[in-house]
Every structure is written in structure tokens, then in C-alpha cells.
């Protein structure tokens, strides 16, 4: 391999390493911030995803399972734990009786707003790492 190719490969590894490090820092920050609010990182993510669909203020169980990359029964168990903490409520869909909608309750909205604000600064550092890692291969 010519020296120039090795240099590019080394630079790519450095950028990917930096990205993985900053991603892990972001995830650790998120875990700690959620814990300080008395919830788990997955509970925070579930609340966030209930608000992540354009034009509505809820998510279905299957949508939450997809967003969380888990099985439906795992999402159901997580929704149950969030309900027990007074963060969300299940409601039958008005449009499809087979579907259950998960809505945030006021306590969930307050926790979500606080945590989302805290995540903004951390996202800026992660965005910078993504941009750098992408530019190594000329993707940007």
C-alpha cells in the first residue's frame, strides 16, 4: 500500500475513533442525565419518540419498538414502567381499534423538556464529530 493510502487510512481510523468516542460520551451523558431525573435512558428515549412523529403528539407501540430497536413485547414492558411512573398513558386509537397510542402526561412533558434542553449542547459536539468522520472519505 503506498504511503499516501496508509496516511488516508490512518486518518479515517482517527476520525472514526473520535466519532465513536464522542458518541459514547453523548450516550453516557444521556444515561446520567436521565438517571438524575429518576428515569432510565430508555424511558427518556421512549418519551422522546412519542413526540418524534410529525403532525401528532403520540406514537404507537410498534413505532416505539422500531425507534428503540427492540421487540414489541419489550416496548410494551417499557411503556408499562413509564405508566407506573406517571409519565405516559395508553389510549385506544380513534382510527384503528387494533392500535394503541402512547401519549405523554404532564410529568412526562416536564421531564422530556428538561432533558431535551440538556442534550442540545451535547448534540453539537456529536454533530461536529459526525461531520469530521464523514469528510474523511469525501462524503460531505
N, C-alpha and C. Protein backbone atom coordinates (compact mmCIF):
# COMPACT_ATOMS: atom_id res chain seq x y z
N UNK A 1 0.86 -1.17 0.00
CA UNK A 1 0.00 0.00 0.00
C UNK A 1 0.91 1.24 0.00
N UNK A 2 0.69 2.15 -0.92
CA UNK A 2 1.50 3.37 -0.96
C UNK A 2 1.34 4.18 0.31
N UNK A 3 2.38 4.96 0.67
CA UNK A 3 2.33 5.76 1.90
C UNK A 3 1.11 6.69 1.97
N UNK A 4 0.71 7.28 0.85
CA UNK A 4 -0.43 8.20 0.86
C UNK A 4 -1.71 7.46 1.27
N UNK A 5 -1.88 6.23 0.75
CA UNK A 5 -3.07 5.44 1.10
C UNK A 5 -3.07 5.08 2.58
N UNK A 6 -1.89 4.73 3.12
CA UNK A 6 -1.81 4.42 4.55
C UNK A 6 -2.14 5.65 5.39
N UNK A 7 -1.70 6.80 4.93
CA UNK A 7 -1.98 8.04 5.64
C UNK A 7 -3.48 8.32 5.67
N UNK A 8 -4.13 8.12 4.53
CA UNK A 8 -5.58 8.32 4.46
C UNK A 8 -6.30 7.33 5.35
N UNK A 9 -5.85 6.06 5.32
CA UNK A 9 -6.47 5.04 6.15
C UNK A 9 -6.31 5.38 7.63
N UNK A 10 -5.12 5.82 8.02
CA UNK A 10 -4.87 6.20 9.41
C UNK A 10 -5.77 7.37 9.80
N UNK A 11 -5.91 8.34 8.92
CA UNK A 11 -6.76 9.49 9.20
C UNK A 11 -8.22 9.05 9.37
N UNK A 12 -8.64 8.10 8.52
CA UNK A 12 -10.01 7.57 8.62
C UNK A 12 -10.22 6.89 9.97
N UNK A 13 -9.26 6.09 10.40
CA UNK A 13 -9.36 5.43 11.70
C UNK A 13 -9.43 6.45 12.83
N UNK A 14 -8.62 7.49 12.73
CA UNK A 14 -8.63 8.53 13.77
C UNK A 14 -9.99 9.21 13.84
N UNK A 15 -10.55 9.54 12.67
CA UNK A 15 -11.85 10.20 12.64
C UNK A 15 -12.95 9.29 13.16
N UNK A 16 -12.92 8.02 12.76
CA UNK A 16 -13.93 7.08 13.25
C UNK A 16 -13.78 6.84 14.75
N UNK A 17 -12.55 6.77 15.22
CA UNK A 17 -12.31 6.61 16.66
C UNK A 17 -12.86 7.81 17.43
N UNK A 18 -12.60 9.00 16.92
CA UNK A 18 -13.10 10.22 17.57
C UNK A 18 -14.63 10.24 17.58
N UNK A 19 -15.23 9.84 16.46
CA UNK A 19 -16.69 9.79 16.39
C UNK A 19 -17.25 8.80 17.42
N UNK A 20 -16.67 7.59 17.47
CA UNK A 20 -17.16 6.59 18.43
C UNK A 20 -16.99 7.07 19.86
N UNK A 21 -15.87 7.74 20.13
CA UNK A 21 -15.64 8.28 21.47
C UNK A 21 -16.70 9.33 21.81
N UNK A 22 -16.94 10.25 20.90
CA UNK A 22 -17.93 11.31 21.17
C UNK A 22 -19.34 10.74 21.24
N UNK A 23 -19.63 9.73 20.45
CA UNK A 23 -20.93 9.07 20.53
C UNK A 23 -21.10 8.42 21.90
N UNK A 24 -20.07 7.73 22.36
CA UNK A 24 -20.15 7.09 23.68
C UNK A 24 -20.28 8.13 24.78
N UNK A 25 -19.56 9.26 24.64
CA UNK A 25 -19.69 10.35 25.63
C UNK A 25 -21.12 10.87 25.65
N UNK A 26 -21.72 11.03 24.46
CA UNK A 26 -23.09 11.50 24.38
C UNK A 26 -24.04 10.51 25.05
N UNK A 27 -23.86 9.24 24.76
CA UNK A 27 -24.73 8.23 25.37
C UNK A 27 -24.55 8.17 26.88
N UNK A 28 -23.33 8.30 27.34
CA UNK A 28 -23.08 8.31 28.79
C UNK A 28 -23.72 9.53 29.43
N UNK A 29 -23.56 10.69 28.79
CA UNK A 29 -24.21 11.90 29.29
C UNK A 29 -25.72 11.67 29.38
N UNK A 30 -26.31 11.10 28.34
CA UNK A 30 -27.75 10.88 28.30
C UNK A 30 -28.20 9.94 29.41
N UNK A 31 -27.43 8.87 29.63
CA UNK A 31 -27.75 7.93 30.70
C UNK A 31 -27.71 8.61 32.06
N UNK A 32 -26.66 9.40 32.30
CA UNK A 32 -26.50 10.10 33.58
C UNK A 32 -27.59 11.15 33.79
N UNK A 33 -27.90 11.91 32.73
CA UNK A 33 -28.93 12.95 32.84
C UNK A 33 -30.29 12.33 33.16
N UNK A 34 -30.61 11.24 32.50
CA UNK A 34 -31.88 10.56 32.76
C UNK A 34 -31.92 10.04 34.19
N UNK A 35 -30.83 9.43 34.61
CA UNK A 35 -30.76 8.88 35.98
C UNK A 35 -30.98 10.00 37.01
N UNK A 36 -30.40 11.17 36.76
CA UNK A 36 -30.58 12.29 37.68
C UNK A 36 -32.04 12.74 37.76
N UNK A 37 -32.80 12.46 36.71
CA UNK A 37 -34.23 12.79 36.70
C UNK A 37 -35.08 11.64 37.24
N UNK A 38 -34.43 10.56 37.67
CA UNK A 38 -35.16 9.43 38.25
C UNK A 38 -35.73 8.45 37.25
N UNK A 39 -35.22 8.49 36.01
CA UNK A 39 -35.69 7.56 34.99
C UNK A 39 -34.48 6.93 34.31
N UNK A 40 -34.75 5.94 33.45
CA UNK A 40 -33.67 5.31 32.70
C UNK A 40 -33.52 6.01 31.35
N UNK A 41 -32.40 5.76 30.71
CA UNK A 41 -32.16 6.32 29.37
C UNK A 41 -33.22 5.82 28.39
N UNK A 42 -33.64 4.57 28.52
CA UNK A 42 -34.69 4.05 27.63
C UNK A 42 -36.03 4.72 27.86
N UNK A 43 -36.33 5.03 29.12
CA UNK A 43 -37.58 5.75 29.39
C UNK A 43 -37.54 7.14 28.76
N UNK A 44 -36.38 7.80 28.84
CA UNK A 44 -36.23 9.11 28.18
C UNK A 44 -36.44 8.96 26.67
N UNK A 45 -35.81 7.97 26.08
CA UNK A 45 -35.93 7.78 24.64
C UNK A 45 -37.36 7.48 24.24
N UNK A 46 -38.06 6.67 25.04
CA UNK A 46 -39.46 6.38 24.75
C UNK A 46 -40.28 7.68 24.75
N UNK A 47 -40.07 8.51 25.77
CA UNK A 47 -40.82 9.77 25.83
C UNK A 47 -40.49 10.64 24.63
N UNK A 48 -39.21 10.70 24.27
CA UNK A 48 -38.79 11.50 23.12
C UNK A 48 -39.46 11.00 21.84
N UNK A 49 -39.49 9.69 21.65
CA UNK A 49 -40.07 9.15 20.43
C UNK A 49 -41.59 9.33 20.37
N UNK A 50 -42.26 9.49 21.51
CA UNK A 50 -43.70 9.77 21.44
C UNK A 50 -43.95 11.12 20.77
N UNK A 51 -42.95 11.98 20.80
CA UNK A 51 -43.10 13.32 20.23
C UNK A 51 -42.39 13.45 18.87
N UNK A 52 -41.82 12.37 18.38
CA UNK A 52 -40.98 12.42 17.20
C UNK A 52 -41.68 12.27 15.86
N UNK A 53 -42.98 12.13 15.86
CA UNK A 53 -43.69 11.95 14.60
C UNK A 53 -44.42 13.24 14.23
N UNK A 54 -44.17 13.71 13.02
CA UNK A 54 -44.72 14.99 12.56
C UNK A 54 -46.25 14.95 12.57
N UNK A 55 -46.82 16.02 13.04
CA UNK A 55 -48.27 16.18 12.98
C UNK A 55 -49.06 15.49 14.07
N UNK A 56 -48.37 14.91 15.05
CA UNK A 56 -49.10 14.28 16.15
C UNK A 56 -48.25 14.25 17.41
N UNK A 57 -48.92 14.03 18.52
CA UNK A 57 -48.29 14.06 19.84
C UNK A 57 -48.28 12.69 20.50
N UNK A 58 -48.15 11.64 19.73
CA UNK A 58 -48.18 10.29 20.26
C UNK A 58 -47.43 9.35 19.32
N UNK A 59 -47.22 8.13 19.79
CA UNK A 59 -46.63 7.08 18.96
C UNK A 59 -47.30 5.77 19.31
N UNK A 60 -47.36 4.88 18.35
CA UNK A 60 -47.91 3.55 18.61
C UNK A 60 -46.83 2.68 19.25
N UNK A 61 -47.26 1.60 19.83
CA UNK A 61 -46.33 0.66 20.45
C UNK A 61 -45.34 0.13 19.40
N UNK A 62 -45.83 -0.23 18.23
CA UNK A 62 -44.94 -0.77 17.19
C UNK A 62 -43.96 0.29 16.70
N UNK A 63 -44.38 1.53 16.62
CA UNK A 63 -43.46 2.61 16.24
C UNK A 63 -42.38 2.80 17.30
N UNK A 64 -42.78 2.73 18.55
CA UNK A 64 -41.80 2.86 19.63
C UNK A 64 -40.81 1.70 19.60
N UNK A 65 -41.31 0.50 19.36
CA UNK A 65 -40.41 -0.66 19.27
C UNK A 65 -39.39 -0.46 18.15
N UNK A 66 -39.84 0.04 17.02
CA UNK A 66 -38.92 0.29 15.90
C UNK A 66 -37.90 1.37 16.26
N UNK A 67 -38.36 2.47 16.82
CA UNK A 67 -37.44 3.56 17.18
C UNK A 67 -36.41 3.12 18.22
N UNK A 68 -36.83 2.28 19.13
CA UNK A 68 -35.94 1.79 20.19
C UNK A 68 -35.16 0.55 19.77
N UNK A 69 -35.47 0.04 18.57
CA UNK A 69 -34.81 -1.16 18.05
C UNK A 69 -34.94 -2.33 19.02
N UNK A 70 -36.18 -2.57 19.43
CA UNK A 70 -36.49 -3.66 20.35
C UNK A 70 -37.70 -4.42 19.84
N UNK A 71 -38.02 -5.51 20.48
CA UNK A 71 -39.22 -6.28 20.16
C UNK A 71 -40.44 -5.56 20.73
N UNK A 72 -41.59 -5.82 20.15
CA UNK A 72 -42.83 -5.17 20.61
C UNK A 72 -43.07 -5.46 22.09
N UNK A 73 -42.86 -6.71 22.52
CA UNK A 73 -43.13 -7.02 23.93
C UNK A 73 -42.18 -6.24 24.85
N UNK A 74 -40.98 -5.95 24.40
CA UNK A 74 -40.06 -5.12 25.19
C UNK A 74 -40.56 -3.68 25.29
N UNK A 75 -41.10 -3.17 24.20
CA UNK A 75 -41.66 -1.81 24.21
C UNK A 75 -42.89 -1.75 25.12
N UNK A 76 -43.70 -2.78 25.09
CA UNK A 76 -44.88 -2.84 25.96
C UNK A 76 -44.45 -2.77 27.42
N UNK A 77 -43.44 -3.55 27.78
CA UNK A 77 -42.96 -3.56 29.17
C UNK A 77 -42.41 -2.19 29.56
N UNK A 78 -41.71 -1.53 28.64
CA UNK A 78 -41.16 -0.20 28.92
C UNK A 78 -42.29 0.82 29.08
N UNK A 79 -43.30 0.75 28.23
CA UNK A 79 -44.45 1.65 28.36
C UNK A 79 -45.12 1.42 29.71
N UNK A 80 -45.26 0.19 30.12
CA UNK A 80 -45.86 -0.12 31.42
C UNK A 80 -45.08 0.54 32.55
N UNK A 81 -43.74 0.44 32.50
CA UNK A 81 -42.92 1.08 33.55
C UNK A 81 -43.08 2.60 33.51
N UNK A 82 -43.17 3.16 32.32
CA UNK A 82 -43.37 4.62 32.22
C UNK A 82 -44.75 5.03 32.74
N UNK A 83 -45.75 4.19 32.50
CA UNK A 83 -47.08 4.45 33.05
C UNK A 83 -47.05 4.43 34.57
N UNK A 84 -46.33 3.47 35.13
CA UNK A 84 -46.24 3.35 36.58
C UNK A 84 -45.57 4.58 37.21
N UNK A 85 -44.70 5.25 36.45
CA UNK A 85 -44.04 6.48 36.91
C UNK A 85 -44.87 7.73 36.60
N UNK A 86 -46.04 7.56 35.98
CA UNK A 86 -46.89 8.69 35.66
C UNK A 86 -46.38 9.56 34.52
N UNK A 87 -45.61 8.95 33.61
CA UNK A 87 -45.01 9.70 32.51
C UNK A 87 -45.82 9.62 31.22
N UNK A 88 -46.47 8.50 30.99
CA UNK A 88 -47.24 8.29 29.76
C UNK A 88 -48.56 7.61 30.09
N UNK A 89 -49.43 7.63 29.10
CA UNK A 89 -50.71 6.92 29.21
C UNK A 89 -50.99 6.28 27.84
N UNK A 90 -51.59 5.09 27.89
CA UNK A 90 -52.03 4.42 26.66
C UNK A 90 -53.46 4.82 26.38
N UNK A 91 -53.75 5.03 25.10
CA UNK A 91 -55.11 5.34 24.68
C UNK A 91 -55.42 4.52 23.43
N UNK A 92 -56.64 4.00 23.34
CA UNK A 92 -57.00 3.30 22.10
C UNK A 92 -57.07 4.30 20.95
N UNK A 93 -56.65 3.88 19.78
CA UNK A 93 -56.68 4.75 18.60
C UNK A 93 -58.12 5.01 18.18
N UNK A 94 -58.38 6.23 17.77
CA UNK A 94 -59.71 6.56 17.26
C UNK A 94 -59.88 6.08 15.82
N UNK A 95 -58.76 5.82 15.14
CA UNK A 95 -58.80 5.46 13.72
C UNK A 95 -58.62 3.97 13.46
N UNK A 96 -57.96 3.27 14.38
CA UNK A 96 -57.68 1.84 14.19
C UNK A 96 -57.77 1.17 15.55
N UNK A 97 -58.82 0.42 15.77
CA UNK A 97 -59.05 -0.18 17.09
C UNK A 97 -57.95 -1.17 17.50
N UNK A 98 -57.18 -1.65 16.53
CA UNK A 98 -56.09 -2.58 16.84
C UNK A 98 -54.88 -1.84 17.41
N UNK A 99 -54.83 -0.55 17.21
CA UNK A 99 -53.65 0.23 17.57
C UNK A 99 -53.83 0.91 18.93
N UNK A 100 -52.74 0.97 19.68
CA UNK A 100 -52.71 1.68 20.96
C UNK A 100 -51.76 2.86 20.81
N UNK A 101 -52.22 4.03 21.22
CA UNK A 101 -51.39 5.23 21.17
C UNK A 101 -50.77 5.47 22.55
N UNK A 102 -49.52 5.89 22.57
CA UNK A 102 -48.85 6.24 23.82
C UNK A 102 -48.67 7.75 23.82
N UNK A 103 -49.27 8.40 24.83
CA UNK A 103 -49.26 9.85 24.97
C UNK A 103 -48.48 10.25 26.22
N UNK A 104 -47.79 11.38 26.14
CA UNK A 104 -47.11 11.91 27.33
C UNK A 104 -48.11 12.55 28.27
N UNK A 105 -47.89 12.35 29.55
CA UNK A 105 -48.64 13.05 30.59
C UNK A 105 -47.84 14.31 30.99
N UNK A 106 -48.45 15.24 31.71
CA UNK A 106 -47.73 16.46 32.10
C UNK A 106 -46.37 16.22 32.77
N UNK A 107 -46.28 15.23 33.64
CA UNK A 107 -45.00 14.93 34.29
C UNK A 107 -43.97 14.47 33.26
N UNK A 108 -44.40 13.69 32.30
CA UNK A 108 -43.51 13.25 31.22
C UNK A 108 -43.07 14.40 30.34
N UNK A 109 -43.98 15.33 30.07
CA UNK A 109 -43.63 16.52 29.26
C UNK A 109 -42.57 17.36 29.97
N UNK A 110 -42.72 17.52 31.27
CA UNK A 110 -41.73 18.33 32.02
C UNK A 110 -40.36 17.67 32.00
N UNK A 111 -40.32 16.37 32.26
CA UNK A 111 -39.03 15.66 32.24
C UNK A 111 -38.42 15.69 30.84
N UNK A 112 -39.23 15.46 29.83
CA UNK A 112 -38.73 15.46 28.46
C UNK A 112 -38.16 16.83 28.09
N UNK A 113 -38.88 17.89 28.42
CA UNK A 113 -38.41 19.24 28.09
C UNK A 113 -37.07 19.53 28.76
N UNK A 114 -36.96 19.17 30.02
CA UNK A 114 -35.71 19.43 30.75
C UNK A 114 -34.56 18.64 30.16
N UNK A 115 -34.77 17.37 29.91
CA UNK A 115 -33.71 16.52 29.38
C UNK A 115 -33.33 16.90 27.94
N UNK A 116 -34.31 17.23 27.13
CA UNK A 116 -34.02 17.62 25.74
C UNK A 116 -33.17 18.89 25.70
N UNK A 117 -33.46 19.84 26.59
CA UNK A 117 -32.67 21.07 26.64
C UNK A 117 -31.23 20.75 27.03
N UNK A 118 -31.05 19.84 27.96
CA UNK A 118 -29.71 19.46 28.39
C UNK A 118 -28.93 18.76 27.27
N UNK A 119 -29.62 18.06 26.41
CA UNK A 119 -28.97 17.32 25.33
C UNK A 119 -28.50 18.20 24.18
N UNK A 120 -29.03 19.39 24.05
CA UNK A 120 -28.71 20.24 22.90
C UNK A 120 -27.22 20.53 22.76
N UNK A 121 -26.57 20.92 23.83
CA UNK A 121 -25.14 21.23 23.76
C UNK A 121 -24.33 19.99 23.42
N UNK A 122 -24.71 18.86 23.99
CA UNK A 122 -24.01 17.62 23.72
C UNK A 122 -24.15 17.21 22.25
N UNK A 123 -25.29 17.51 21.66
CA UNK A 123 -25.51 17.17 20.26
C UNK A 123 -24.60 17.96 19.34
N UNK A 124 -24.27 19.18 19.71
CA UNK A 124 -23.38 19.99 18.88
C UNK A 124 -22.01 19.32 18.75
N UNK A 125 -21.47 18.80 19.85
CA UNK A 125 -20.18 18.12 19.80
C UNK A 125 -20.27 16.84 18.97
N UNK A 126 -21.36 16.13 19.08
CA UNK A 126 -21.55 14.91 18.32
C UNK A 126 -21.67 15.23 16.82
N UNK A 127 -22.39 16.28 16.51
CA UNK A 127 -22.55 16.70 15.11
C UNK A 127 -21.19 17.03 14.48
N UNK A 128 -20.36 17.68 15.23
CA UNK A 128 -19.01 18.02 14.74
C UNK A 128 -18.22 16.75 14.44
N UNK A 129 -18.30 15.76 15.30
CA UNK A 129 -17.59 14.50 15.10
C UNK A 129 -18.12 13.76 13.88
N UNK A 130 -19.43 13.78 13.67
CA UNK A 130 -20.03 13.14 12.50
C UNK A 130 -19.53 13.82 11.23
N UNK A 131 -19.52 15.15 11.24
CA UNK A 131 -19.07 15.89 10.07
C UNK A 131 -17.61 15.56 9.74
N UNK A 132 -16.78 15.49 10.75
CA UNK A 132 -15.37 15.18 10.52
C UNK A 132 -15.20 13.75 10.00
N UNK A 133 -15.89 12.80 10.60
CA UNK A 133 -15.78 11.40 10.16
C UNK A 133 -16.28 11.26 8.72
N UNK A 134 -17.33 11.98 8.36
CA UNK A 134 -17.87 11.91 7.00
C UNK A 134 -16.93 12.55 5.98
N UNK A 135 -16.26 13.61 6.38
CA UNK A 135 -15.41 14.33 5.43
C UNK A 135 -14.15 13.56 5.08
N UNK A 136 -13.76 12.61 5.89
CA UNK A 136 -12.53 11.83 5.64
C UNK A 136 -12.65 11.09 4.32
N UNK A 137 -13.81 10.59 4.01
CA UNK A 137 -14.00 9.84 2.75
C UNK A 137 -14.60 10.73 1.66
N UNK A 138 -14.67 12.02 1.92
CA UNK A 138 -15.23 12.93 0.93
C UNK A 138 -16.73 12.84 0.82
N UNK A 139 -17.38 12.39 1.91
CA UNK A 139 -18.84 12.21 1.89
C UNK A 139 -19.56 13.54 2.01
N UNK A 140 -18.97 14.53 2.71
CA UNK A 140 -19.69 15.79 2.94
C UNK A 140 -19.73 16.66 1.73
